[in-house]
Amino acid sequence: MKIIKSYLLIFIAILLGIITGFLHFEFILKTAETIAALFMNFLKFIASPIVFLAIFSTLLGMPSFGEMKTLGRKIFTYTILTTVIAATIALILYIIINPSNNQILSSFDWDHSQIEQNSYISFFLNIVPSNVIKAFLENNVIGIAFISFFLGIAALKIPEENRLVLSNFFSSFFKLILKATEFIVLLMPLGIWAFITLLVSEARQNSNEFKNIILYLSVILGANFLQGLVVIPLLLKSKGISPLKTAKGSIRALILAFFSKSSNATLPVTLHCAEKHLNIKPRLANFSLPLCTVINMNGCAAFILTTVIFVSQMNGVLFNIWDYCLWIILSTIAAIGNAGVPMGCFFLSSTFLVAMGVPLKIMGIILPFYTFLDMVETTLNVWSDIAVTAIIDKKLK
């Protein structure tokens, strides 16, 4: 009954948001902006500590380094697999639909090494933060994850009595933070109303049609829907897990991911859904989900690959078949290095294009549509995180 009531409140919030967004009253929009900003601030405020405490406290509770290595290998394998599949689906759809109407498989002399080098350097520089406090202040999730792993592995080597003291303290602190996240679940309808109001209002103001990028949008959305509605459910089904039950149990996290456009900010609710509704072991959920939030970016990989190729071809840059294969790798690496924040994929794509010397004018045309794309991509990312964690949980059981 309690779950039905919460879903009803979310549905009412969506309806009210549509109505108030269409009304476009200045006072209501200002109120929605304030609530949305406060809601996102609260999510961001709690996301970084959760990433650190979830991974670190879980490592402290592990009996050996071997268990951590086994879990990490399973998570990394499935996240890389799903991200590569997402990028590959996007490329296949792009070649079939051909949104740029350019000659496919024509060669062009562009600097592969420069793009590849920039991608790797940017990724590895973000992994190791120069300052511990700065990593938390800048919400550098990759850096925070590195710190938690670094300290967690070191803690496995200290005497048992010292590790037990650390484990009790950080586990208790983590439970305190998780208790605080219950406020997010209670405030979700209010936050969703604010997000919907602003979204509808923005859609009213930017209603111009851009026919030249409709096909481009269909590639990205098609790739995301195929990945989320076909590939991931089939992967779950192949492991003996019900996709429908998994989706039903994680619906709150998926809704928040859609409206917040941030997999990091959604993490508290994702953890709540995994433990309370999907019965995933807390130790696994606390280790897998924060790690997946950092490295498992299916939607981002599809967006980066499609956007870079589309904008490049619209500016006269053509690729051969090996270039396309290279972009599967590069978009996967870039997606893994993405921060999991709103517009992260957009900025990464722009960085690639700048490195290639491609003008960014078309990115300005894409920008009005990016809000919706970002919502779909973030939902896919969180759905994939939950699926990977559920699969590993089933394997362990």
Protein backbone atom coordinates (compact mmCIF):
# COMPACT_ATOMS: atom_id res chain seq x y z
CA MET A 1 0.00 0.00 0.00
CA LYS A 2 2.87 2.33 0.88
CA ILE A 3 4.57 1.68 -2.49
CA ILE A 4 1.32 2.31 -4.41
CA LYS A 5 0.89 5.59 -2.53
CA SER A 6 4.41 6.74 -3.42
CA TYR A 7 3.92 5.87 -7.11
CA LEU A 8 0.61 7.76 -7.07
CA LEU A 9 2.35 10.83 -5.64
CA ILE A 10 4.99 10.64 -8.37
CA PHE A 11 2.27 10.36 -11.05
CA ILE A 12 0.44 13.37 -9.59
CA ALA A 13 3.72 15.31 -9.49
CA ILE A 14 4.31 14.60 -13.19
CA LEU A 15 0.79 15.74 -14.14
CA LEU A 16 1.08 18.91 -12.06
CA GLY A 17 4.49 19.59 -13.58
CA ILE A 18 3.09 19.35 -17.11
CA ILE A 19 0.24 21.73 -16.22
CA THR A 20 2.41 24.31 -14.43
CA GLY A 21 5.03 24.08 -17.19
CA PHE A 22 2.44 24.95 -19.84
CA LEU A 23 0.99 27.77 -17.72
CA HIS A 24 4.45 29.37 -17.68
CA PHE A 25 3.80 31.66 -14.71
CA GLU A 26 6.95 33.49 -13.63
CA PHE A 27 6.39 32.87 -9.91
CA ILE A 28 5.83 29.14 -10.44
CA LEU A 29 8.93 28.85 -12.65
CA LYS A 30 11.08 30.64 -10.05
CA THR A 31 9.72 28.32 -7.36
CA ALA A 32 10.44 25.26 -9.53
CA GLU A 33 13.97 26.51 -10.26
CA THR A 34 14.63 26.98 -6.54
CA ILE A 35 13.27 23.55 -5.58
CA ALA A 36 15.14 21.84 -8.44
CA ALA A 37 18.39 23.56 -7.46
CA LEU A 38 17.97 22.63 -3.79
CA PHE A 39 17.06 19.05 -4.71
CA MET A 40 20.11 18.67 -6.96
CA ASN A 41 22.37 20.29 -4.34
CA PHE A 42 21.15 17.80 -1.76
CA LEU A 43 21.75 14.90 -4.16
CA LYS A 44 25.24 16.12 -5.05
CA PHE A 45 26.02 16.83 -1.40
CA ILE A 46 25.31 13.24 -0.46
CA ALA A 47 26.58 11.49 -3.62
CA SER A 48 30.34 11.92 -3.09
CA PRO A 49 30.35 10.60 0.52
CA ILE A 50 28.22 7.65 -0.60
CA VAL A 51 30.66 6.69 -3.37
CA PHE A 52 33.60 6.83 -0.96
CA LEU A 53 31.92 5.18 2.04
CA ALA A 54 30.15 2.49 0.00
CA ILE A 55 33.37 1.24 -1.62
CA PHE A 56 35.69 1.82 1.34
CA SER A 57 33.45 0.31 4.04
CA THR A 58 32.74 -2.69 1.80
CA LEU A 59 36.45 -3.30 1.23
CA LEU A 60 37.06 -3.04 4.98
CA GLY A 61 34.43 -5.73 5.55
CA MET A 62 35.94 -8.15 3.03
CA PRO A 63 37.93 -11.03 4.51
CA SER A 64 40.65 -10.91 1.87
CA PHE A 65 42.10 -9.12 -1.15
CA GLY A 66 41.06 -12.12 -3.26
CA GLU A 67 37.33 -11.46 -2.72
CA MET A 68 37.73 -7.83 -3.80
CA LYS A 69 39.66 -8.89 -6.91
CA THR A 70 37.00 -11.45 -7.84
CA LEU A 71 34.13 -8.96 -7.48
CA GLY A 72 36.02 -6.21 -9.28
CA ARG A 73 36.81 -8.50 -12.22
CA LYS A 74 33.17 -9.56 -12.60
CA ILE A 75 31.90 -5.97 -12.45
CA PHE A 76 34.53 -4.70 -14.89
CA THR A 77 33.82 -7.52 -17.36
CA TYR A 78 30.07 -6.86 -17.51
CA THR A 79 30.38 -3.07 -17.62
CA ILE A 80 32.89 -3.16 -20.49
CA LEU A 81 30.72 -5.70 -22.31
CA THR A 82 27.52 -3.65 -22.06
CA THR A 83 29.29 -0.37 -22.96
CA VAL A 84 30.95 -1.85 -26.06
CA ILE A 85 27.60 -3.36 -27.14
CA ALA A 86 25.91 0.04 -26.72
CA ALA A 87 28.55 1.78 -28.88
CA THR A 88 28.37 -0.98 -31.50
CA ILE A 89 24.56 -0.77 -31.73
CA ALA A 90 24.84 3.00 -32.18
CA LEU A 91 27.37 2.56 -35.00
CA ILE A 92 25.23 -0.05 -36.80
CA LEU A 93 22.16 2.20 -36.61
CA TYR A 94 24.22 5.17 -37.78
CA ILE A 95 25.46 3.33 -40.88
CA ILE A 96 21.93 2.08 -41.66
CA ILE A 97 20.14 5.42 -41.14
CA ASN A 98 23.05 7.58 -42.37
CA PRO A 99 21.83 10.88 -40.89
CA SER A 100 24.59 12.98 -42.47
CA ASN A 101 23.77 11.73 -45.99
CA ASN A 102 27.50 11.61 -46.70
CA GLN A 103 29.25 8.85 -48.57
CA ILE A 104 29.88 6.08 -46.07
CA LEU A 105 33.31 4.41 -45.88
CA SER A 106 35.16 7.24 -47.66
CA SER A 107 38.61 7.92 -46.23
CA PHE A 108 39.84 11.16 -44.70
CA ASP A 109 43.26 11.96 -43.27
CA TRP A 110 42.65 12.94 -39.66
CA ASP A 111 44.98 12.53 -36.71
CA HIS A 112 44.01 9.25 -35.02
CA SER A 113 46.96 9.33 -32.62
CA GLN A 114 46.12 12.80 -31.30
CA ILE A 115 42.52 11.85 -30.48
CA GLU A 116 43.53 8.55 -28.92
CA GLN A 117 46.29 10.19 -26.89
CA ASN A 118 44.03 12.97 -25.61
CA SER A 119 41.40 10.42 -24.60
CA TYR A 120 43.81 8.22 -22.65
CA ILE A 121 45.64 11.15 -21.01
CA SER A 122 42.39 12.82 -19.94
CA PHE A 123 41.07 9.55 -18.54
CA PHE A 124 44.20 8.69 -16.53
CA LEU A 125 44.69 12.23 -15.20
CA ASN A 126 41.17 12.13 -13.77
CA ILE A 127 41.79 8.79 -12.08
CA VAL A 128 44.50 10.02 -9.71
CA PRO A 129 43.51 13.33 -8.01
CA SER A 130 46.28 15.72 -6.99
CA ASN A 131 44.43 16.63 -3.81
CA VAL A 132 42.12 14.48 -1.66
CA ILE A 133 39.91 17.36 -0.52
CA LYS A 134 39.79 18.84 -4.04
CA ALA A 135 38.45 15.53 -5.40
CA PHE A 136 35.44 15.81 -3.06
CA LEU A 137 34.98 19.56 -3.63
CA GLU A 138 34.92 19.10 -7.41
CA ASN A 139 32.77 15.94 -7.17
CA ASN A 140 35.43 14.04 -9.12
CA VAL A 141 33.78 10.63 -8.84
CA ILE A 142 36.61 8.80 -10.63
CA GLY A 143 39.12 10.33 -8.23
CA ILE A 144 36.95 9.55 -5.19
CA ALA A 145 36.60 5.94 -6.31
CA PHE A 146 40.39 5.73 -6.71
CA ILE A 147 40.93 7.11 -3.18
CA SER A 148 38.46 4.61 -1.70
CA PHE A 149 40.10 1.70 -3.56
CA PHE A 150 43.61 2.85 -2.66
CA LEU A 151 42.81 3.18 1.05
CA GLY A 152 40.64 0.05 1.05
CA ILE A 153 43.37 -2.13 -0.43
CA ALA A 154 45.89 -0.68 2.02
CA ALA A 155 43.49 -1.41 4.90
CA LEU A 156 43.39 -5.08 3.93
CA LYS A 157 47.11 -5.25 4.78
CA ILE A 158 46.94 -3.76 8.30
CA PRO A 159 46.44 -5.84 11.49
CA GLU A 160 42.96 -7.29 12.02
CA GLU A 161 42.22 -5.30 15.20
CA ASN A 162 43.01 -1.98 13.49
CA ARG A 163 40.94 -2.88 10.45
CA LEU A 164 38.02 -3.82 12.72
CA VAL A 165 38.07 -0.37 14.36
CA LEU A 166 38.07 1.31 10.94
CA SER A 167 35.32 -1.02 9.68
CA ASN A 168 33.02 -0.28 12.64
CA PHE A 169 33.51 3.48 12.31
CA PHE A 170 33.08 3.79 8.54
CA SER A 171 30.25 1.23 8.38
CA SER A 172 28.35 3.19 11.04
CA PHE A 173 29.03 6.44 9.19
CA PHE A 174 27.81 4.87 5.96
CA LYS A 175 24.58 3.69 7.64
CA LEU A 176 24.06 7.25 8.89
CA ILE A 177 24.41 8.61 5.35
CA LEU A 178 22.04 5.96 3.99
CA LYS A 179 19.49 6.91 6.64
CA ALA A 180 19.74 10.50 5.45
CA THR A 181 19.04 9.36 1.89
CA GLU A 182 15.53 8.31 2.96
CA PHE A 183 14.66 12.02 2.88
CA ILE A 184 15.36 11.95 -0.88
CA VAL A 185 12.73 9.24 -1.35
CA LEU A 186 10.21 11.31 0.63
CA LEU A 187 10.99 14.48 -1.32
CA MET A 188 11.07 12.83 -4.76
CA PRO A 189 7.53 13.91 -5.83
CA LEU A 190 8.38 17.55 -5.07
CA GLY A 191 11.66 17.35 -6.96
CA ILE A 192 10.03 15.63 -9.94
CA TRP A 193 7.33 18.34 -10.08
CA ALA A 194 10.06 21.00 -10.28
CA PHE A 195 12.03 19.14 -12.96
CA ILE A 196 8.91 18.50 -15.08
CA THR A 197 7.76 22.12 -14.79
CA LEU A 198 11.11 23.44 -16.02
CA LEU A 199 11.35 20.81 -18.78
CA VAL A 200 7.88 21.56 -20.21
CA SER A 201 8.47 25.31 -19.95
CA GLU A 202 11.77 25.01 -21.84
CA ALA A 203 10.16 22.82 -24.49
CA ARG A 204 7.49 25.49 -25.10
CA GLN A 205 10.13 28.16 -25.67
CA ASN A 206 12.32 26.02 -27.97
CA SER A 207 9.72 24.47 -30.24
CA ASN A 208 11.53 25.08 -33.54
CA GLU A 209 12.00 22.01 -35.66
CA PHE A 210 15.44 21.08 -36.84
CA LYS A 211 14.73 18.64 -39.66
CA ASN A 212 18.39 18.15 -40.48
CA ILE A 213 19.07 16.39 -37.17
CA ILE A 214 15.90 14.32 -36.78
CA LEU A 215 17.68 11.27 -38.20
CA TYR A 216 20.63 11.92 -35.89
CA LEU A 217 18.28 11.98 -32.88
CA SER A 218 16.61 8.78 -34.07
CA VAL A 219 20.01 7.01 -34.11
CA ILE A 220 20.78 7.97 -30.49
CA LEU A 221 17.30 7.24 -29.15
CA GLY A 222 17.07 4.02 -31.15
CA ALA A 223 20.43 2.83 -29.79
CA ASN A 224 19.39 3.66 -26.22
CA PHE A 225 16.02 1.94 -26.51
CA LEU A 226 17.52 -1.17 -28.12
CA GLN A 227 20.12 -1.39 -25.38
CA GLY A 228 17.64 -0.77 -22.56
CA LEU A 229 14.63 -2.72 -23.83
CA VAL A 230 16.32 -5.59 -25.71
CA VAL A 231 20.00 -6.14 -24.87
CA ILE A 232 19.89 -5.69 -21.08
CA PRO A 233 16.63 -7.66 -20.60
CA LEU A 234 18.07 -10.50 -22.72
CA LEU A 235 21.25 -10.43 -20.62
CA LEU A 236 19.17 -10.62 -17.42
CA LYS A 237 16.97 -13.38 -18.87
CA SER A 238 20.04 -15.42 -19.88
CA LYS A 239 21.13 -15.40 -16.23
CA GLY A 240 17.73 -16.53 -14.96
CA ILE A 241 16.64 -13.09 -13.70
CA SER A 242 13.24 -11.58 -14.47
CA PRO A 243 13.74 -8.26 -16.34
CA LEU A 244 10.20 -7.17 -15.41
CA LYS A 245 10.69 -7.75 -11.68
CA THR A 246 14.07 -6.04 -11.79
CA ALA A 247 12.60 -3.01 -13.58
CA LYS A 248 9.66 -2.87 -11.16
CA GLY A 249 11.99 -2.99 -8.15
CA SER A 250 14.21 -0.23 -9.51
CA ILE A 251 11.48 2.07 -10.87
CA ARG A 252 12.13 4.85 -8.33
CA ALA A 253 15.80 5.01 -9.24
CA LEU A 254 14.98 5.01 -12.96
CA ILE A 255 12.44 7.83 -12.57
CA LEU A 256 14.89 9.94 -10.56
CA ALA A 257 17.67 9.21 -13.08
CA PHE A 258 15.40 10.40 -15.89
CA PHE A 259 14.60 13.73 -14.24
CA SER A 260 17.88 14.43 -12.44
CA LYS A 261 20.07 13.55 -15.47
CA SER A 262 22.81 12.41 -13.10
CA SER A 263 23.65 8.81 -12.27
CA ASN A 264 25.83 10.04 -9.39
CA ALA A 265 22.98 12.02 -7.84
CA THR A 266 20.65 9.03 -8.27
CA LEU A 267 23.05 6.68 -6.45
CA PRO A 268 21.43 6.96 -2.98
CA VAL A 269 18.04 5.92 -4.37
CA THR A 270 19.65 3.23 -6.56
CA LEU A 271 21.23 1.69 -3.47
CA HIS A 272 17.89 1.87 -1.65
CA CYS A 273 16.08 0.08 -4.50
CA ALA A 274 18.77 -2.59 -4.87
CA GLU A 275 18.73 -3.53 -1.19
CA LYS A 276 15.09 -2.99 -0.23
CA HIS A 277 13.22 -4.01 -3.42
CA LEU A 278 15.61 -6.32 -5.30
CA ASN A 279 17.07 -8.05 -2.23
CA ILE A 280 20.63 -7.63 -3.48
CA LYS A 281 23.18 -8.24 -0.74
CA PRO A 282 24.20 -4.89 0.82
CA ARG A 283 27.91 -5.72 0.60
CA LEU A 284 27.66 -6.30 -3.15
CA ALA A 285 25.32 -3.35 -3.80
CA ASN A 286 27.57 -0.99 -1.83
CA PHE A 287 30.59 -2.08 -3.86
CA SER A 288 29.11 -2.65 -7.32
CA LEU A 289 26.70 0.28 -7.77
CA PRO A 290 29.15 3.10 -6.90
CA LEU A 291 31.77 1.45 -9.13
CA CYS A 292 29.25 1.03 -11.98
CA THR A 293 28.26 4.68 -11.59
CA VAL A 294 31.87 5.55 -12.41
CA ILE A 295 32.62 3.15 -15.27
CA ASN A 296 29.31 1.86 -16.68
CA MET A 297 28.05 4.48 -19.16
CA ASN A 298 26.09 2.74 -21.93
CA GLY A 299 24.10 5.80 -22.99
CA CYS A 300 27.15 8.05 -22.99
CA ALA A 301 29.12 5.72 -25.29
CA ALA A 302 26.27 5.70 -27.83
CA PHE A 303 25.96 9.51 -27.69
CA ILE A 304 29.69 10.21 -28.08
CA LEU A 305 30.13 7.86 -31.03
CA THR A 306 27.04 9.09 -32.89
CA THR A 307 27.64 12.78 -32.19
CA VAL A 308 31.34 12.87 -33.12
CA ILE A 309 30.79 10.99 -36.39
CA PHE A 310 27.66 13.01 -37.28
CA VAL A 311 29.14 16.47 -36.60
CA SER A 312 32.41 15.51 -38.32
CA GLN A 313 30.67 14.23 -41.45
CA MET A 314 28.40 17.28 -41.57
CA ASN A 315 31.62 19.32 -41.72
CA GLY A 316 33.10 17.22 -44.53
CA VAL A 317 35.14 14.76 -42.46
CA LEU A 318 34.67 11.22 -43.74
CA PHE A 319 35.70 7.94 -42.12
CA ASN A 320 36.60 4.46 -43.30
CA ILE A 321 35.57 1.19 -41.67
CA TRP A 322 38.67 1.10 -39.42
CA ASP A 323 37.90 4.62 -38.21
CA TYR A 324 34.45 3.45 -37.16
CA CYS A 325 35.97 0.54 -35.23
CA LEU A 326 38.39 2.93 -33.55
CA TRP A 327 35.51 5.15 -32.46
CA ILE A 328 33.86 2.19 -30.72
CA ILE A 329 37.01 1.90 -28.59
CA LEU A 330 37.41 5.65 -28.05
CA SER A 331 33.77 6.23 -27.15
CA THR A 332 33.93 3.32 -24.68
CA ILE A 333 37.07 4.76 -23.03
CA ALA A 334 35.55 8.26 -22.94
CA ALA A 335 32.28 6.94 -21.49
CA ILE A 336 34.18 5.11 -18.74
CA GLY A 337 35.97 8.37 -17.95
CA ASN A 338 32.75 10.39 -17.89
CA ALA A 339 31.87 12.00 -14.57
CA GLY A 340 28.22 10.86 -14.50
CA VAL A 341 26.93 14.43 -14.26
CA PRO A 342 24.47 16.39 -16.44
CA MET A 343 25.91 17.27 -19.88
CA GLY A 344 29.06 15.20 -19.25
CA CYS A 345 28.71 13.37 -22.60
CA PHE A 346 28.05 16.63 -24.45
CA PHE A 347 31.29 18.18 -23.20
CA LEU A 348 33.28 15.01 -23.91
CA SER A 349 31.99 14.93 -27.49
CA SER A 350 32.91 18.61 -27.91
CA THR A 351 36.42 17.88 -26.61
CA PHE A 352 36.91 15.17 -29.24
CA LEU A 353 35.69 17.48 -32.00
CA VAL A 354 37.98 20.32 -30.87
CA ALA A 355 40.94 17.91 -30.88
CA MET A 356 40.04 16.96 -34.48
CA GLY A 357 39.71 20.61 -35.50
CA VAL A 358 36.02 20.24 -36.37
CA PRO A 359 33.80 23.36 -36.00
CA LEU A 360 31.25 23.11 -33.15
CA LYS A 361 28.41 25.05 -34.77
CA ILE A 362 26.23 21.93 -35.16
CA MET A 363 26.69 21.18 -31.44
CA GLY A 364 24.74 24.39 -30.84
CA ILE A 365 21.87 22.98 -32.92
CA ILE A 366 22.00 19.73 -30.95
CA LEU A 367 22.04 21.53 -27.59
CA PRO A 368 18.27 22.29 -27.36
CA PHE A 369 17.57 18.57 -27.79
CA TYR A 370 20.27 17.42 -25.41
CA THR A 371 18.16 17.77 -22.26
CA PHE A 372 15.87 14.94 -23.35
CA LEU A 373 18.77 12.86 -24.71
CA ASP A 374 20.59 13.25 -21.40
CA MET A 375 17.50 12.08 -19.51
CA VAL A 376 17.20 8.93 -21.62
CA GLU A 377 20.94 8.20 -21.46
CA THR A 378 21.10 8.59 -17.67
CA THR A 379 18.12 6.26 -17.23
CA LEU A 380 19.86 3.67 -19.42
CA ASN A 381 23.09 4.04 -17.42
CA VAL A 382 21.32 3.43 -14.09
CA TRP A 383 19.30 0.55 -15.55
CA SER A 384 22.53 -1.05 -16.76
CA ASP A 385 24.17 -0.51 -13.33
CA ILE A 386 21.30 -2.29 -11.60
CA ALA A 387 21.29 -5.12 -14.16
CA VAL A 388 25.04 -5.74 -13.81
CA THR A 389 24.73 -5.78 -10.01
CA ALA A 390 21.72 -8.11 -10.12
CA ILE A 391 23.57 -10.54 -12.43
CA ILE A 392 26.63 -10.66 -10.17
CA ASP A 393 24.38 -11.09 -7.12
CA LYS A 394 22.69 -14.07 -8.80
CA LYS A 395 26.08 -15.59 -9.67
CA LEU A 396 27.29 -15.26 -6.08
CA LYS A 397 24.10 -16.79 -4.71
